[in-house]
PDB file of N, CA and C in Angstrom:
ATOM      1  N   MET A   1     121.948 109.909 105.637  1.00  0.00           N
ATOM      2  CA  MET A   1     120.750 109.286 105.079  1.00  0.00           C
ATOM      3  C   MET A   1     119.768 110.390 104.643  1.00  0.00           C
ATOM      4  N   ALA A   2     119.229 110.231 103.497  1.00  0.00           N
ATOM      5  CA  ALA A   2     118.299 111.227 102.959  1.00  0.00           C
ATOM      6  C   ALA A   2     116.963 111.167 103.688  1.00  0.00           C
ATOM      7  N   SER A   3     116.336 112.322 103.814  1.00  0.00           N
ATOM      8  CA  SER A   3     115.025 112.343 104.454  1.00  0.00           C
ATOM      9  C   SER A   3     113.970 111.885 103.455  1.00  0.00           C
ATOM     10  N   LYS A   4     112.857 111.447 103.975  1.00  0.00           N
ATOM     11  CA  LYS A   4     111.768 111.015 103.102  1.00  0.00           C
ATOM     12  C   LYS A   4     111.140 112.212 102.405  1.00  0.00           C
ATOM     13  N   LEU A   5     110.918 112.070 101.135  1.00  0.00           N
ATOM     14  CA  LEU A   5     110.298 113.134 100.344  1.00  0.00           C
ATOM     15  C   LEU A   5     108.803 112.910 100.145  1.00  0.00           C
ATOM     16  N   THR A   6     108.312 111.741 100.537  1.00  0.00           N
ATOM     17  CA  THR A   6     106.914 111.394 100.277  1.00  0.00           C
ATOM     18  C   THR A   6     105.910 112.388 100.868  1.00  0.00           C
ATOM     19  N   PRO A   7     106.051 112.828 102.127  1.00  0.00           N
ATOM     20  CA  PRO A   7     105.060 113.792 102.653  1.00  0.00           C
ATOM     21  C   PRO A   7     104.998 115.094 101.841  1.00  0.00           C
ATOM     22  N   GLN A   8     106.169 115.625 101.457  1.00  0.00           N
ATOM     23  CA  GLN A   8     106.199 116.849 100.643  1.00  0.00           C
ATOM     24  C   GLN A   8     105.587 116.591  99.270  1.00  0.00           C
ATOM     25  N   LEU A   9     105.891 115.438  98.705  1.00  0.00           N
ATOM     26  CA  LEU A   9     105.363 115.068  97.388  1.00  0.00           C
ATOM     27  C   LEU A   9     103.838 115.015  97.418  1.00  0.00           C
ATOM     28  N   LYS A  10     103.287 114.398  98.444  1.00  0.00           N
ATOM     29  CA  LYS A  10     101.830 114.287  98.556  1.00  0.00           C
ATOM     30  C   LYS A  10     101.183 115.664  98.696  1.00  0.00           C
ATOM     31  N   GLN A  11     101.860 116.592  99.372  1.00  0.00           N
ATOM     32  CA  GLN A  11     101.334 117.959  99.479  1.00  0.00           C
ATOM     33  C   GLN A  11     101.264 118.624  98.104  1.00  0.00           C
ATOM     34  N   HIS A  12     102.323 118.448  97.306  1.00  0.00           N
ATOM     35  CA  HIS A  12     102.337 119.014  95.947  1.00  0.00           C
ATOM     36  C   HIS A  12     101.212 118.412  95.108  1.00  0.00           C
ATOM     37  N   LEU A  13     101.019 117.096  95.235  1.00  0.00           N
ATOM     38  CA  LEU A  13      99.980 116.416  94.464  1.00  0.00           C
ATOM     39  C   LEU A  13      98.594 116.934  94.845  1.00  0.00           C
ATOM     40  N   GLN A  14      98.342 117.069  96.142  1.00  0.00           N
ATOM     41  CA  GLN A  14      97.029 117.530  96.596  1.00  0.00           C
ATOM     42  C   GLN A  14      96.762 118.969  96.172  1.00  0.00           C
ATOM     43  N   LYS A  15      97.780 119.827  96.232  1.00  0.00           N
ATOM     44  CA  LYS A  15      97.608 121.221  95.806  1.00  0.00           C
ATOM     45  C   LYS A  15      97.256 121.315  94.325  1.00  0.00           C
ATOM     46  N   ALA A  16      97.739 120.344  93.538  1.00  0.00           N
ATOM     47  CA  ALA A  16      97.474 120.353  92.097  1.00  0.00           C
ATOM     48  C   ALA A  16      96.147 119.669  91.759  1.00  0.00           C
ATOM     49  N   GLY A  17      95.439 119.182  92.787  1.00  0.00           N
ATOM     50  CA  GLY A  17      94.137 118.560  92.551  1.00  0.00           C
ATOM     51  C   GLY A  17      94.169 117.055  92.414  1.00  0.00           C
ATOM     52  N   CYS A  18      95.340 116.456  92.574  1.00  0.00           N
ATOM     53  CA  CYS A  18      95.445 114.997  92.507  1.00  0.00           C
ATOM     54  C   CYS A  18      94.849 114.388  93.773  1.00  0.00           C
ATOM     55  N   CYS A  19      94.363 113.155  93.650  1.00  0.00           N
ATOM     56  CA  CYS A  19      93.745 112.537  94.820  1.00  0.00           C
ATOM     57  C   CYS A  19      94.149 111.067  94.955  1.00  0.00           C
ATOM     58  N   PHE A  20      94.211 110.639  96.214  1.00  0.00           N
ATOM     59  CA  PHE A  20      94.491 109.249  96.540  1.00  0.00           C
ATOM     60  C   PHE A  20      93.296 108.415  96.109  1.00  0.00           C
ATOM     61  N   GLU A  21      93.556 107.283  95.426  1.00  0.00           N
ATOM     62  CA  GLU A  21      92.469 106.400  95.020  1.00  0.00           C
ATOM     63  C   GLU A  21      92.398 105.141  95.865  1.00  0.00           C
ATOM     64  N   ARG A  22      93.558 104.466  96.002  1.00  0.00           N
ATOM     65  CA  ARG A  22      93.533 103.201  96.735  1.00  0.00           C
ATOM     66  C   ARG A  22      94.939 102.765  97.119  1.00  0.00           C
ATOM     67  N   GLN A  23      95.003 101.839  98.047  1.00  0.00           N
ATOM     68  CA  GLN A  23      96.260 101.220  98.434  1.00  0.00           C
ATOM     69  C   GLN A  23      96.580 100.151  97.396  1.00  0.00           C
ATOM     70  N   ASP A  24      97.840  99.982  97.081  1.00  0.00           N
ATOM     71  CA  ASP A  24      98.242  98.972  96.113  1.00  0.00           C
ATOM     72  C   ASP A  24      99.196  98.000  96.793  1.00  0.00           C
ATOM     73  N   LYS A  25      99.852  97.182  96.020  1.00  0.00           N
ATOM     74  CA  LYS A  25     100.765  96.176  96.563  1.00  0.00           C
ATOM     75  C   LYS A  25     101.870  96.812  97.401  1.00  0.00           C
ATOM     76  N   GLY A  26     102.214  96.162  98.496  1.00  0.00           N
ATOM     77  CA  GLY A  26     103.289  96.653  99.352  1.00  0.00           C
ATOM     78  C   GLY A  26     102.947  97.992  99.953  1.00  0.00           C
ATOM     79  N   ASP A  27     103.893  98.928  99.865  1.00  0.00           N
ATOM     80  CA  ASP A  27     103.671 100.252 100.445  1.00  0.00           C
ATOM     81  C   ASP A  27     103.412 101.306  99.374  1.00  0.00           C
ATOM     82  N   HIS A  28     102.822 100.888  98.269  1.00  0.00           N
ATOM     83  CA  HIS A  28     102.492 101.812  97.186  1.00  0.00           C
ATOM     84  C   HIS A  28     101.026 102.229  97.263  1.00  0.00           C
ATOM     85  N   GLU A  29     100.780 103.452  96.836  1.00  0.00           N
ATOM     86  CA  GLU A  29      99.422 103.971  96.733  1.00  0.00           C
ATOM     87  C   GLU A  29      99.173 104.332  95.274  1.00  0.00           C
ATOM     88  N   ILE A  30      97.927 104.265  94.861  1.00  0.00           N
ATOM     89  CA  ILE A  30      97.547 104.677  93.515  1.00  0.00           C
ATOM     90  C   ILE A  30      96.843 106.023  93.637  1.00  0.00           C
ATOM     91  N   TRP A  31      97.359 107.005  92.907  1.00  0.00           N
ATOM     92  CA  TRP A  31      96.802 108.358  92.885  1.00  0.00           C
ATOM     93  C   TRP A  31      96.269 108.648  91.492  1.00  0.00           C
ATOM     94  N   TYR A  32      95.349 109.613  91.395  1.00  0.00           N
ATOM     95  CA  TYR A  32      94.776 110.031  90.118  1.00  0.00           C
ATOM     96  C   TYR A  32      95.068 111.509  89.888  1.00  0.00           C
ATOM     97  N   SER A  33      95.474 111.841  88.661  1.00  0.00           N
ATOM     98  CA  SER A  33      95.740 113.232  88.292  1.00  0.00           C
ATOM     99  C   SER A  33      94.668 113.731  87.320  1.00  0.00           C
ATOM    100  N   PRO A  34      93.946 114.798  87.689  1.00  0.00           N
ATOM    101  CA  PRO A  34      92.974 115.372  86.756  1.00  0.00           C
ATOM    102  C   PRO A  34      93.654 116.112  85.603  1.00  0.00           C
ATOM    103  N   ILE A  35      94.937 116.429  85.771  1.00  0.00           N
ATOM    104  CA  ILE A  35      95.687 117.135  84.728  1.00  0.00           C
ATOM    105  C   ILE A  35      95.949 116.194  83.546  1.00  0.00           C
ATOM    106  N   THR A  36      96.480 115.009  83.838  1.00  0.00           N
ATOM    107  CA  THR A  36      96.801 114.043  82.783  1.00  0.00           C
ATOM    108  C   THR A  36      95.688 113.015  82.596  1.00  0.00           C
ATOM    109  N   ARG A  37      94.747 112.997  83.535  1.00  0.00           N
ATOM    110  CA  ARG A  37      93.662 112.003  83.561  1.00  0.00           C
ATOM    111  C   ARG A  37      94.217 110.583  83.599  1.00  0.00           C
ATOM    112  N   ARG A  38      95.284 110.412  84.385  1.00  0.00           N
ATOM    113  CA  ARG A  38      95.924 109.102  84.521  1.00  0.00           C
ATOM    114  C   ARG A  38      96.106 108.751  85.987  1.00  0.00           C
ATOM    115  N   ARG A  39      96.246 107.460  86.220  1.00  0.00           N
ATOM    116  CA  ARG A  39      96.572 106.960  87.552  1.00  0.00           C
ATOM    117  C   ARG A  39      98.060 106.651  87.588  1.00  0.00           C
ATOM    118  N   PHE A  40      98.672 106.824  88.771  1.00  0.00           N
ATOM    119  CA  PHE A  40     100.104 106.584  88.892  1.00  0.00           C
ATOM    120  C   PHE A  40     100.416 106.125  90.310  1.00  0.00           C
ATOM    121  N   PRO A  41     101.492 105.334  90.481  1.00  0.00           N
ATOM    122  CA  PRO A  41     101.863 104.849  91.817  1.00  0.00           C
ATOM    123  C   PRO A  41     102.726 105.852  92.574  1.00  0.00           C
ATOM    124  N   VAL A  42     102.541 105.872  93.886  1.00  0.00           N
ATOM    125  CA  VAL A  42     103.373 106.690  94.777  1.00  0.00           C
ATOM    126  C   VAL A  42     103.882 105.769  95.878  1.00  0.00           C
ATOM    127  N   ASP A  43     105.200 105.645  95.974  1.00  0.00           N
ATOM    128  CA  ASP A  43     105.830 104.816  97.000  1.00  0.00           C
ATOM    129  C   ASP A  43     105.797 105.554  98.337  1.00  0.00           C
ATOM    130  N   ALA A  44     105.653 104.839  99.421  1.00  0.00           N
ATOM    131  CA  ALA A  44     105.597 105.449 100.750  1.00  0.00           C
ATOM    132  C   ALA A  44     106.971 105.858 101.267  1.00  0.00           C
ATOM    133  N   HIS A  45     108.052 105.406 100.624  1.00  0.00           N
ATOM    134  CA  HIS A  45     109.397 105.677 101.133  1.00  0.00           C
ATOM    135  C   HIS A  45     110.304 106.262 100.054  1.00  0.00           C
ATOM    136  N   ILE A  46     109.897 107.357  99.430  1.00  0.00           N
ATOM    137  CA  ILE A  46     110.706 107.997  98.395  1.00  0.00           C
ATOM    138  C   ILE A  46     111.820 108.794  99.065  1.00  0.00           C
ATOM    139  N   LYS A  47     113.063 108.485  98.715  1.00  0.00           N
ATOM    140  CA  LYS A  47     114.218 109.189  99.278  1.00  0.00           C
ATOM    141  C   LYS A  47     114.997 109.946  98.209  1.00  0.00           C
ATOM    142  N   SER A  48     114.728 109.669  96.940  1.00  0.00           N
ATOM    143  CA  SER A  48     115.450 110.291  95.841  1.00  0.00           C
ATOM    144  C   SER A  48     114.622 111.415  95.223  1.00  0.00           C
ATOM    145  N   ARG A  49     115.258 112.571  95.020  1.00  0.00           N
ATOM    146  CA  ARG A  49     114.541 113.680  94.385  1.00  0.00           C
ATOM    147  C   ARG A  49     114.199 113.346  92.934  1.00  0.00           C
ATOM    148  N   HIS A  50     115.003 112.488  92.312  1.00  0.00           N
ATOM    149  CA  HIS A  50     114.735 112.082  90.930  1.00  0.00           C
ATOM    150  C   HIS A  50     113.439 111.276  90.856  1.00  0.00           C
ATOM    151  N   THR A  51     113.249 110.402  91.817  1.00  0.00           N
ATOM    152  CA  THR A  51     112.023 109.603  91.872  1.00  0.00           C
ATOM    153  C   THR A  51     110.816 110.498  92.138  1.00  0.00           C
ATOM    154  N   ALA A  52     110.971 111.436  93.074  1.00  0.00           N
ATOM    155  CA  ALA A  52     109.877 112.358  93.402  1.00  0.00           C
ATOM    156  C   ALA A  52     109.496 113.198  92.185  1.00  0.00           C
ATOM    157  N   ASN A  53     110.487 113.712  91.471  1.00  0.00           N
ATOM    158  CA  ASN A  53     110.205 114.492  90.264  1.00  0.00           C
ATOM    159  C   ASN A  53     109.574 113.631  89.175  1.00  0.00           C
ATOM    160  N   GLY A  54     109.942 112.355  89.122  1.00  0.00           N
ATOM    161  CA  GLY A  54     109.340 111.440  88.157  1.00  0.00           C
ATOM    162  C   GLY A  54     107.854 111.247  88.420  1.00  0.00           C
ATOM    163  N   VAL A  55     107.485 111.176  89.690  1.00  0.00           N
ATOM    164  CA  VAL A  55     106.066 111.057  90.054  1.00  0.00           C
ATOM    165  C   VAL A  55     105.322 112.327  89.651  1.00  0.00           C
ATOM    166  N   LEU A  56     105.934 113.485  89.917  1.00  0.00           N
ATOM    167  CA  LEU A  56     105.300 114.757  89.521  1.00  0.00           C
ATOM    168  C   LEU A  56     105.112 114.820  88.004  1.00  0.00           C
ATOM    169  N   LYS A  57     106.095 114.328  87.268  1.00  0.00           N
ATOM    170  CA  LYS A  57     105.986 114.326  85.804  1.00  0.00           C
ATOM    171  C   LYS A  57     104.804 113.473  85.351  1.00  0.00           C
ATOM    172  N   GLN A  58     104.627 112.311  85.981  1.00  0.00           N
ATOM    173  CA  GLN A  58     103.491 111.443  85.636  1.00  0.00           C
ATOM    174  C   GLN A  58     102.167 112.145  85.929  1.00  0.00           C
ATOM    175  N   ALA A  59     102.170 113.012  86.953  1.00  0.00           N
ATOM    176  CA  ALA A  59     100.950 113.723  87.333  1.00  0.00           C
ATOM    177  C   ALA A  59     100.746 114.984  86.499  1.00  0.00           C
ATOM    178  N   GLY A  60     101.740 115.356  85.676  1.00  0.00           N
ATOM    179  CA  GLY A  60     101.624 116.563  84.856  1.00  0.00           C
ATOM    180  C   GLY A  60     101.951 117.838  85.603  1.00  0.00           C
ATOM    181  N   ILE A  61     102.764 117.717  86.664  1.00  0.00           N
ATOM    182  CA  ILE A  61     103.142 118.852  87.501  1.00  0.00           C
ATOM    183  C   ILE A  61     104.626 119.137  87.286  1.00  0.00           C
ATOM    184  N   PRO A  62     105.038 120.419  87.218  1.00  0.00           N
ATOM    185  CA  PRO A  62     106.458 120.747  87.037  1.00  0.00           C
ATOM    186  C   PRO A  62     107.322 120.230  88.190  1.00  0.00           C
ATOM    187  N   LYS A  63     108.599 120.009  87.912  1.00  0.00           N
ATOM    188  CA  LYS A  63     109.548 119.544  88.941  1.00  0.00           C
ATOM    189  C   LYS A  63     109.537 120.478  90.132  1.00  0.00           C
ATOM    190  N   ALA A  64     109.677 119.911  91.329  1.00  0.00           N
ATOM    191  CA  ALA A  64     109.682 120.712  92.548  1.00  0.00           C
ATOM    192  C   ALA A  64     110.822 120.328  93.488  1.00  0.00           C
ATOM    193  N   PHE A  65     111.536 119.267  93.174  1.00  0.00           N
ATOM    194  CA  PHE A  65     112.595 118.791  94.071  1.00  0.00           C
ATOM    195  C   PHE A  65     113.965 118.859  93.417  1.00  0.00           C
TER     196      PHE A  65
END
């Protein structure tokens, strides 16, 4: 079973200046990126590196996983 990537992902987001905005439906959070000036969802149980990299792409951050 793959380990959760969400804690590492959130560290990358915070280092890039992204911030948590609010809780959303289910176990999703809404984050804001000052790089892209957009909001994007972050799932609490990301297990796929492809999904984690997709979130980074939405935030305007290079792939890290």
